[in-house]
C-alpha atoms as a PDB file:
ATOM      1  CA  MET A   1       9.648  -9.389  11.161  1.00  0.00           C
ATOM      2  CA  ASN A   2       7.798  -7.115  13.575  1.00  0.00           C
ATOM      3  CA  TYR A   3       8.207  -3.414  14.355  1.00  0.00           C
ATOM      4  CA  LEU A   4      10.607  -3.899  17.260  1.00  0.00           C
ATOM      5  CA  GLU A   5      12.781  -6.305  15.282  1.00  0.00           C
ATOM      6  CA  ILE A   6      12.944  -3.857  12.363  1.00  0.00           C
ATOM      7  CA  ILE A   7      13.967  -1.049  14.726  1.00  0.00           C
ATOM      8  CA  ASN A   8      16.652  -3.208  16.338  1.00  0.00           C
ATOM      9  CA  LYS A   9      18.012  -4.077  12.877  1.00  0.00           C
ATOM     10  CA  CYS A  10      18.206  -0.352  12.134  1.00  0.00           C
ATOM     11  CA  LEU A  11      20.030   0.260  15.403  1.00  0.00           C
ATOM     12  CA  LEU A  12      22.484  -2.513  14.551  1.00  0.00           C
ATOM     13  CA  GLU A  13      23.195  -1.033  11.098  1.00  0.00           C
ATOM     14  CA  LEU A  14      23.719   2.386  12.659  1.00  0.00           C
ATOM     15  CA  ASN A  15      26.068   0.963  15.311  1.00  0.00           C
ATOM     16  CA  TYR A  16      23.675   1.996  18.074  1.00  0.00           C
ATOM     17  CA  ARG A  17      22.835  -0.051  21.148  1.00  0.00           C
ATOM     18  CA  GLN A  18      19.896  -2.389  20.561  1.00  0.00           C
ATOM     19  CA  VAL A  19      16.973  -2.569  23.008  1.00  0.00           C
ATOM     20  CA  ASN A  20      15.227  -5.450  24.752  1.00  0.00           C
ATOM     21  CA  ALA A  21      11.783  -3.862  25.015  1.00  0.00           C
ATOM     22  CA  PHE A  22       9.710  -1.365  23.056  1.00  0.00           C
ATOM     23  CA  SER A  23       9.475   0.825  26.167  1.00  0.00           C
ATOM     24  CA  GLU A  24      13.234   1.484  25.959  1.00  0.00           C
ATOM     25  CA  LEU A  25      12.848   3.455  22.719  1.00  0.00           C
ATOM     26  CA  VAL A  26      12.894   6.876  24.330  1.00  0.00           C
ATOM     27  CA  LYS A  27      15.870   8.687  22.772  1.00  0.00           C
ATOM     28  CA  ASN A  28      15.450  11.232  19.978  1.00  0.00           C
ATOM     29  CA  ASP A  29      17.070   8.940  17.393  1.00  0.00           C
ATOM     30  CA  HIS A  30      14.768   6.120  18.531  1.00  0.00           C
ATOM     31  CA  LYS A  31      11.764   8.343  17.894  1.00  0.00           C
ATOM     32  CA  ARG A  32      13.118   9.386  14.499  1.00  0.00           C
ATOM     33  CA  ILE A  33      13.698   5.760  13.492  1.00  0.00           C
ATOM     34  CA  LYS A  34      10.159   4.792  14.557  1.00  0.00           C
ATOM     35  CA  THR A  35       8.718   7.605  12.447  1.00  0.00           C
ATOM     36  CA  ILE A  36      10.910   6.955   9.405  1.00  0.00           C
ATOM     37  CA  VAL A  37      10.112   3.216   9.363  1.00  0.00           C
ATOM     38  CA  ASN A  38       6.429   4.098   8.992  1.00  0.00           C
ATOM     39  CA  VAL A  39       7.131   6.736   6.337  1.00  0.00           C
ATOM     40  CA  ILE A  40       9.200   4.299   4.259  1.00  0.00           C
ATOM     41  CA  ASN A  41       6.604   1.551   4.698  1.00  0.00           C
ATOM     42  CA  LYS A  42       3.768   3.777   3.455  1.00  0.00           C
ATOM     43  CA  GLU A  43       5.826   5.201   0.598  1.00  0.00           C
ATOM     44  CA  ILE A  44       6.669   1.739  -0.738  1.00  0.00           C
ATOM     45  CA  CYS A  45       3.078   0.538  -0.425  1.00  0.00           C
ATOM     46  CA  ASN A  46       1.869   3.547  -2.424  1.00  0.00           C
ATOM     47  CA  ILE A  47       4.385   3.608  -5.293  1.00  0.00           C
ATOM     48  CA  GLU A  48       2.972   0.529  -7.076  1.00  0.00           C
ATOM     49  CA  GLY A  49      -0.213  -1.458  -7.454  1.00  0.00           C
ATOM     50  CA  TRP A  50       1.087  -4.359  -5.376  1.00  0.00           C
ATOM     51  CA  ASN A  51      -0.772  -7.675  -5.481  1.00  0.00           C
ATOM     52  CA  PHE A  52      -0.330  -8.094  -1.710  1.00  0.00           C
ATOM     53  CA  LEU A  53      -2.482  -4.990  -1.164  1.00  0.00           C
ATOM     54  CA  LEU A  54      -5.416  -6.150  -3.305  1.00  0.00           C
ATOM     55  CA  ARG A  55      -8.686  -6.495  -1.414  1.00  0.00           C
ATOM     56  CA  ARG A  56     -12.346  -7.087  -2.302  1.00  0.00           C
ATOM     57  CA  THR A  57     -15.528  -5.547  -0.924  1.00  0.00           C
ATOM     58  CA  ASN A  58     -19.205  -5.014  -1.788  1.00  0.00           C
ATOM     59  CA  LEU A  59     -21.398  -1.917  -1.600  1.00  0.00           C
ATOM     60  CA  THR A  60     -25.162  -1.692  -1.981  1.00  0.00           C
ATOM     61  CA  LEU A  61     -26.658   0.723  -4.503  1.00  0.00           C
ATOM     62  CA  PRO A  62     -30.346   1.238  -3.618  1.00  0.00           C
ATOM     63  CA  ALA A  63     -32.986   1.353  -6.350  1.00  0.00           C
ATOM     64  CA  ASN A  64     -33.492   4.751  -8.032  1.00  0.00           C
ATOM     65  CA  THR A  65     -30.318   6.079  -6.383  1.00  0.00           C
ATOM     66  CA  THR A  66     -27.318   7.455  -8.255  1.00  0.00           C
ATOM     67  CA  GLU A  67     -25.043   8.378  -5.352  1.00  0.00           C
ATOM     68  CA  ILE A  68     -23.669   6.385  -2.407  1.00  0.00           C
ATOM     69  CA  LEU A  69     -20.998   7.017   0.211  1.00  0.00           C
ATOM     70  CA  ASN A  70     -17.595   5.723  -0.848  1.00  0.00           C
ATOM     71  CA  THR A  71     -16.509   3.537   2.077  1.00  0.00           C
ATOM     72  CA  VAL A  72     -13.770   1.775   0.113  1.00  0.00           C
ATOM     73  CA  ASN A  73     -10.565   1.999   2.170  1.00  0.00           C
ATOM     74  CA  GLY A  74      -8.220   2.551  -0.747  1.00  0.00           C
ATOM     75  CA  ARG A  75      -7.940   3.018  -4.506  1.00  0.00           C
ATOM     76  CA  ILE A  76     -10.470   1.231  -6.718  1.00  0.00           C
ATOM     77  CA  LEU A  77      -8.984  -1.003  -9.403  1.00  0.00           C
ATOM     78  CA  TYR A  78     -12.096  -2.735 -10.773  1.00  0.00           C
ATOM     79  CA  LEU A  79     -15.798  -2.167 -10.190  1.00  0.00           C
ATOM     80  CA  PHE A  80     -18.527  -4.571 -11.315  1.00  0.00           C
ATOM     81  CA  ILE A  81     -22.323  -4.527 -11.301  1.00  0.00           C
ATOM     82  CA  ASP A  82     -24.161  -7.691 -12.407  1.00  0.00           C
ATOM     83  CA  GLY A  83     -20.828  -9.118 -13.555  1.00  0.00           C
ATOM     84  CA  GLN A  84     -20.277  -6.198 -15.921  1.00  0.00           C
ATOM     85  CA  ARG A  85     -17.149  -4.119 -15.474  1.00  0.00           C
ATOM     86  CA  TYR A  86     -17.741  -0.387 -15.072  1.00  0.00           C
ATOM     87  CA  ASP A  87     -15.176   2.193 -16.227  1.00  0.00           C
ATOM     88  CA  PHE A  88     -14.283   5.291 -14.227  1.00  0.00           C
ATOM     89  CA  CYS A  89     -15.253   8.672 -15.708  1.00  0.00           C
ATOM     90  CA  ASP A  90     -13.592  11.901 -14.502  1.00  0.00           C
ATOM     91  CA  ASN A  91     -16.450  14.076 -15.736  1.00  0.00           C
ATOM     92  CA  VAL A  92     -19.217  14.185 -13.107  1.00  0.00           C
ATOM     93  CA  GLU A  93     -21.586  16.339 -15.199  1.00  0.00           C
ATOM     94  CA  PRO A  94     -23.392  13.430 -16.964  1.00  0.00           C
ATOM     95  CA  PHE A  95     -24.050  11.789 -13.588  1.00  0.00           C
ATOM     96  CA  VAL A  96     -25.377  14.973 -12.009  1.00  0.00           C
ATOM     97  CA  SER A  97     -27.602  15.685 -15.043  1.00  0.00           C
ATOM     98  CA  GLY A  98     -28.873  12.105 -15.226  1.00  0.00           C
ATOM     99  CA  LYS A  99     -27.226  11.410 -18.587  1.00  0.00           C
ATOM    100  CA  ALA A 100     -24.476   9.064 -17.515  1.00  0.00           C
ATOM    101  CA  LYS A 101     -23.414   6.415 -20.018  1.00  0.00           C
ATOM    102  CA  ALA A 102     -24.061   2.770 -19.238  1.00  0.00           C
ATOM    103  CA  CYS A 103     -21.256   0.867 -17.480  1.00  0.00           C
ATOM    104  CA  THR A 104     -19.557   3.978 -16.109  1.00  0.00           C
ATOM    105  CA  TYR A 105     -19.138   5.433 -12.624  1.00  0.00           C
ATOM    106  CA  SER A 106     -17.585   8.568 -11.163  1.00  0.00           C
ATOM    107  CA  SER A 107     -16.619  10.156  -7.863  1.00  0.00           C
ATOM    108  CA  LEU A 108     -17.641  13.430  -6.216  1.00  0.00           C
ATOM    109  CA  ALA A 109     -16.367  14.447  -2.769  1.00  0.00           C
ATOM    110  CA  GLN A 110     -16.827  11.302  -0.602  1.00  0.00           C
ATOM    111  CA  ASN A 111     -19.411   9.672  -2.875  1.00  0.00           C
ATOM    112  CA  LEU A 112     -19.483   7.291  -5.811  1.00  0.00           C
ATOM    113  CA  LEU A 113     -21.803   8.198  -8.712  1.00  0.00           C
ATOM    114  CA  PHE A 114     -23.673   5.706 -10.894  1.00  0.00           C
ATOM    115  CA  PRO A 115     -26.386   5.566 -13.535  1.00  0.00           C
ATOM    116  CA  LYS A 116     -29.842   5.076 -12.027  1.00  0.00           C
ATOM    117  CA  PHE A 117     -31.272   1.553 -11.701  1.00  0.00           C
ATOM    118  CA  ASN A 118     -34.887   0.557 -11.058  1.00  0.00           C
ATOM    119  CA  GLU A 119     -33.793  -2.120  -8.597  1.00  0.00           C
ATOM    120  CA  GLU A 120     -31.178  -2.505  -5.874  1.00  0.00           C
ATOM    121  CA  LYS A 121     -27.722  -3.489  -7.108  1.00  0.00           C
ATOM    122  CA  THR A 122     -24.650  -5.006  -5.485  1.00  0.00           C
ATOM    123  CA  VAL A 123     -21.460  -3.181  -6.422  1.00  0.00           C
ATOM    124  CA  ASP A 124     -18.488  -5.572  -6.413  1.00  0.00           C
ATOM    125  CA  ILE A 125     -15.159  -3.764  -5.958  1.00  0.00           C
ATOM    126  CA  ILE A 126     -11.519  -4.830  -6.215  1.00  0.00           C
ATOM    127  CA  TYR A 127      -9.204  -2.240  -4.665  1.00  0.00           C
ATOM    128  CA  PHE A 128      -5.752  -1.527  -3.296  1.00  0.00           C
ATOM    129  CA  THR A 129      -6.023  -1.039   0.460  1.00  0.00           C
ATOM    130  CA  LYS A 130      -4.618   2.086   2.120  1.00  0.00           C
ATOM    131  CA  ASN A 131      -3.532  -0.054   5.056  1.00  0.00           C
ATOM    132  CA  CYS A 132       0.159  -0.915   5.239  1.00  0.00           C
ATOM    133  CA  VAL A 133       0.335  -2.800   8.547  1.00  0.00           C
ATOM    134  CA  ILE A 134      -1.230  -5.763  10.330  1.00  0.00           C
ATOM    135  CA  ASP A 135      -1.338  -6.161  14.106  1.00  0.00           C
ATOM    136  CA  ALA A 136      -1.124  -9.230  16.345  1.00  0.00           C
ATOM    137  CA  ASN A 137      -4.898  -9.725  16.041  1.00  0.00           C
ATOM    138  CA  SER A 138      -4.719  -9.764  12.218  1.00  0.00           C
ATOM    139  CA  GLN A 139      -6.344  -6.336  12.015  1.00  0.00           C
ATOM    140  CA  GLU A 140      -5.028  -4.078   9.266  1.00  0.00           C
ATOM    141  CA  LYS A 141      -4.118  -0.429   9.884  1.00  0.00           C
ATOM    142  CA  THR A 142      -2.004   2.363   8.409  1.00  0.00           C
ATOM    143  CA  ASP A 143       0.899   2.667  10.885  1.00  0.00           C
ATOM    144  CA  MET A 144       3.071   0.476  13.065  1.00  0.00           C
ATOM    145  CA  GLU A 145       2.500   1.502  16.679  1.00  0.00           C
ATOM    146  CA  ASN A 146       3.162  -1.591  18.802  1.00  0.00           C
ATOM    147  CA  ALA A 147       6.181  -3.862  19.044  1.00  0.00           C
ATOM    148  CA  ASP A 148       4.425  -6.815  17.383  1.00  0.00           C
ATOM    149  CA  ASP A 149       2.904  -4.897  14.460  1.00  0.00           C
ATOM    150  CA  THR A 150       4.212  -6.037  11.062  1.00  0.00           C
ATOM    151  CA  SER A 151       4.340  -4.525   7.593  1.00  0.00           C
ATOM    152  CA  LEU A 152       2.085  -5.855   4.835  1.00  0.00           C
ATOM    153  CA  ILE A 153       5.150  -5.881   2.595  1.00  0.00           C
ATOM    154  CA  PRO A 154       6.098  -9.570   2.380  1.00  0.00           C
ATOM    155  CA  MET A 155       9.310 -10.927   3.832  1.00  0.00           C
ATOM    156  CA  PRO A 156      12.196 -11.036   3.133  1.00  0.00           C
ATOM    157  CA  PHE A 157      11.712  -7.812   1.161  1.00  0.00           C
ATOM    158  CA  ALA A 158      10.217  -5.886   4.094  1.00  0.00           C
ATOM    159  CA  GLU A 159      13.326  -6.290   6.231  1.00  0.00           C
ATOM    160  CA  GLN A 160      15.751  -4.966   3.625  1.00  0.00           C
ATOM    161  CA  LEU A 161      13.492  -2.172   2.417  1.00  0.00           C
ATOM    162  CA  LEU A 162      12.535  -0.859   5.832  1.00  0.00           C
ATOM    163  CA  VAL A 163      15.934  -1.229   7.473  1.00  0.00           C
ATOM    164  CA  TYR A 164      18.103   0.163   4.665  1.00  0.00           C
ATOM    165  CA  GLY A 165      15.500   2.738   3.644  1.00  0.00           C
ATOM    166  CA  THR A 166      15.297   4.005   7.212  1.00  0.00           C
ATOM    167  CA  CYS A 167      19.080   4.190   7.609  1.00  0.00           C
ATOM    168  CA  LEU A 168      19.361   6.114   4.326  1.00  0.00           C
ATOM    169  CA  ARG A 169      16.707   8.603   5.408  1.00  0.00           C
ATOM    170  CA  LEU A 170      18.122   8.989   8.918  1.00  0.00           C
ATOM    171  CA  LYS A 171      21.697   9.718   7.840  1.00  0.00           C
ATOM    172  CA  ALA A 172      20.824  11.410   4.515  1.00  0.00           C
ATOM    173  CA  ASN A 173      24.498  11.897   3.731  1.00  0.00           C
ATOM    174  CA  PRO A 174      26.001  10.281   0.611  1.00  0.00           C
ATOM    175  CA  GLN A 175      29.458  10.707   2.169  1.00  0.00           C
ATOM    176  CA  TYR A 176      28.587   8.455   5.103  1.00  0.00           C
ATOM    177  CA  PHE A 177      30.693   5.293   4.802  1.00  0.00           C
ATOM    178  CA  LYS A 178      27.690   2.917   4.741  1.00  0.00           C
ATOM    179  CA  PHE A 179      25.440   5.060   2.540  1.00  0.00           C
ATOM    180  CA  SER A 180      26.338   3.428  -0.816  1.00  0.00           C
ATOM    181  CA  TYR A 181      25.891  -0.046   0.645  1.00  0.00           C
ATOM    182  CA  TRP A 182      22.479   0.809   2.113  1.00  0.00           C
ATOM    183  CA  LEU A 183      21.380   2.361  -1.176  1.00  0.00           C
ATOM    184  CA  SER A 184      22.439  -0.658  -3.250  1.00  0.00           C
ATOM    185  CA  MET A 185      20.706  -3.080  -0.868  1.00  0.00           C
ATOM    186  CA  TYR A 186      17.532  -0.965  -0.847  1.00  0.00           C
ATOM    187  CA  LYS A 187      17.438  -0.821  -4.656  1.00  0.00           C
ATOM    188  CA  GLU A 188      18.051  -4.568  -4.903  1.00  0.00           C
ATOM    189  CA  ALA A 189      15.223  -5.323  -2.461  1.00  0.00           C
ATOM    190  CA  LEU A 190      12.823  -3.002  -4.299  1.00  0.00           C
ATOM    191  CA  SER A 191      13.709  -4.622  -7.624  1.00  0.00           C
ATOM    192  CA  ASN A 192      13.164  -8.092  -6.144  1.00  0.00           C
ATOM    193  CA  LEU A 193       9.845  -7.030  -4.634  1.00  0.00           C
ATOM    194  CA  LYS A 194       8.658  -5.895  -8.065  1.00  0.00           C
ATOM    195  CA  SER A 195       9.793  -9.062  -9.816  1.00  0.00           C
ATOM    196  CA  LYS A 196       9.011 -11.806  -7.286  1.00  0.00           C
ATOM    197  CA  THR A 197       5.701 -10.970  -5.610  1.00  0.00           C
ATOM    198  CA  SER A 198       3.349 -11.861  -8.461  1.00  0.00           C
ATOM    199  CA  ALA A 199       0.932 -14.702  -7.690  1.00  0.00           C
ATOM    200  CA  SER A 200       1.711 -16.213 -11.100  1.00  0.00           C
ATOM    201  CA  VAL A 201       5.161 -16.826 -12.558  1.00  0.00           C
ATOM    202  CA  LEU A 202       3.646 -16.013 -15.958  1.00  0.00           C
ATOM    203  CA  ASN A 203       2.986 -12.467 -14.756  1.00  0.00           C
ATOM    204  CA  ALA A 204       6.510 -11.797 -13.508  1.00  0.00           C
ATOM    205  CA  PRO A 205       8.479  -9.145 -15.436  1.00  0.00           C
ATOM    206  CA  VAL A 206      10.980 -10.414 -17.986  1.00  0.00           C
ATOM    207  CA  VAL A 207      13.650  -8.849 -20.172  1.00  0.00           C
ATOM    208  CA  ASN A 208      13.735  -9.903 -23.813  1.00  0.00           C
ATOM    209  CA  ILE A 209      16.960  -9.363 -25.790  1.00  0.00           C
ATOM    210  CA  PHE A 210      16.746  -9.511 -29.581  1.00  0.00           C
ATOM    211  CA  ARG A 211      19.651  -9.954 -31.997  1.00  0.00           C
ATOM    212  CA  ARG A 212      19.743  -7.860 -35.120  1.00  0.00           C
END
């Protein structure tokens, strides 16, 4: 479901007149809905380490170099050099002083810090992308801007989360007659997203009940 379709669903839930074209979204409430949809989309993408946001990239660490620019567009989950996993270290002092432990890395400003190697190394990185949207040309980006942009949140969860989440945020009044319904549908969609988006059924969350 694309950006325009999400907005029209919101308008329908709010009992507003739907639009036929993106260019018709000129009213103040239209602008608020467009903004809130993006806010909700980014919030959901950032609250968990979702499998659908996992990406992979490589960086080159030159020989006798301990610091390279961090061009990873997101949060690093795993980092490997020569097939060996490296653990993140908050303390940058060992890296600056040249006493970093083996198989560790750190971060300072916009750079990644490593132990020194005598030869060039390929740094293999698994990360959660900061992008939340994909456009019609399959290019990822952070915000929905065009009618045919779509969320990276998989369907059918994206529709419920973005529509009901946006309506909740727009009205922001628990006394509103649809508020409880929107909230329950939003919570249900978020719960389903957490339980049904794993690539493996063996990794899906389960509840175990034991008798005493």
